[in-house]
Amino acid sequence: MRKLSVTFGMLMIVLLLSGCHTMQGFGKDIQKGGEVIEKSAQ
């Protein structure tokens, strides 16, 4: 039972870390899109 709990905990940590990395990339994409719109408005 303990082995299953440790495995589940490690899986959750990996998923959380990969989710943070994905959100960071998404934020950068939004920022670049905003820069393109700003340049075209000028």
C-alpha atoms as a PDB file:
ATOM      1  CA  MET A   1       0.000   0.000   0.000  1.00  0.00           C
ATOM      2  CA  ARG A   2       2.834   2.391   0.820  1.00  0.00           C
ATOM      3  CA  LYS A   3       4.483   1.732  -2.544  1.00  0.00           C
ATOM      4  CA  LEU A   4       1.252   2.661  -4.325  1.00  0.00           C
ATOM      5  CA  SER A   5       0.985   5.913  -2.341  1.00  0.00           C
ATOM      6  CA  VAL A   6       4.559   6.897  -3.157  1.00  0.00           C
ATOM      7  CA  THR A   7       4.041   6.106  -6.843  1.00  0.00           C
ATOM      8  CA  PHE A   8       0.841   8.146  -6.939  1.00  0.00           C
ATOM      9  CA  GLY A   9       2.552  11.066  -5.180  1.00  0.00           C
ATOM     10  CA  MET A  10       5.453  11.056  -7.631  1.00  0.00           C
ATOM     11  CA  LEU A  11       3.028  10.960 -10.575  1.00  0.00           C
ATOM     12  CA  MET A  12       1.138  13.970  -9.203  1.00  0.00           C
ATOM     13  CA  ILE A  13       4.374  15.940  -8.750  1.00  0.00           C
ATOM     14  CA  VAL A  14       5.433  15.225 -12.337  1.00  0.00           C
ATOM     15  CA  LEU A  15       2.020  16.284 -13.666  1.00  0.00           C
ATOM     16  CA  LEU A  16       2.057  19.508 -11.660  1.00  0.00           C
ATOM     17  CA  LEU A  17       5.553  20.433 -12.822  1.00  0.00           C
ATOM     18  CA  SER A  18       4.741  19.770 -16.468  1.00  0.00           C
ATOM     19  CA  GLY A  19       1.525  21.794 -16.122  1.00  0.00           C
ATOM     20  CA  CYS A  20       3.448  24.795 -14.810  1.00  0.00           C
ATOM     21  CA  HIS A  21       5.834  24.602 -17.714  1.00  0.00           C
ATOM     22  CA  THR A  22       2.954  24.449 -20.175  1.00  0.00           C
ATOM     23  CA  MET A  23       1.236  27.488 -18.646  1.00  0.00           C
ATOM     24  CA  GLN A  24       4.499  29.435 -18.839  1.00  0.00           C
ATOM     25  CA  GLY A  25       4.751  28.671 -22.562  1.00  0.00           C
ATOM     26  CA  PHE A  26       1.107  29.642 -23.062  1.00  0.00           C
ATOM     27  CA  GLY A  27       1.747  32.997 -21.382  1.00  0.00           C
ATOM     28  CA  LYS A  28       4.697  33.672 -23.670  1.00  0.00           C
ATOM     29  CA  ASP A  29       2.555  32.892 -26.734  1.00  0.00           C
ATOM     30  CA  ILE A  30      -0.119  35.338 -25.564  1.00  0.00           C
ATOM     31  CA  GLN A  31       2.527  37.996 -24.957  1.00  0.00           C
ATOM     32  CA  LYS A  32       4.002  37.588 -28.453  1.00  0.00           C
ATOM     33  CA  GLY A  33       0.518  37.808 -29.966  1.00  0.00           C
ATOM     34  CA  GLY A  34      -0.056  41.062 -28.092  1.00  0.00           C
ATOM     35  CA  GLU A  35       3.236  42.465 -29.354  1.00  0.00           C
ATOM     36  CA  VAL A  36       2.256  41.701 -32.966  1.00  0.00           C
ATOM     37  CA  ILE A  37      -1.108  43.436 -32.514  1.00  0.00           C
ATOM     38  CA  GLU A  38       0.594  46.426 -30.900  1.00  0.00           C
ATOM     39  CA  LYS A  39       3.095  46.758 -33.772  1.00  0.00           C
ATOM     40  CA  SER A  40       0.380  46.521 -36.409  1.00  0.00           C
ATOM     41  CA  ALA A  41      -1.625  49.241 -34.618  1.00  0.00           C
ATOM     42  CA  GLN A  42       1.310  51.634 -34.849  1.00  0.00           C
END
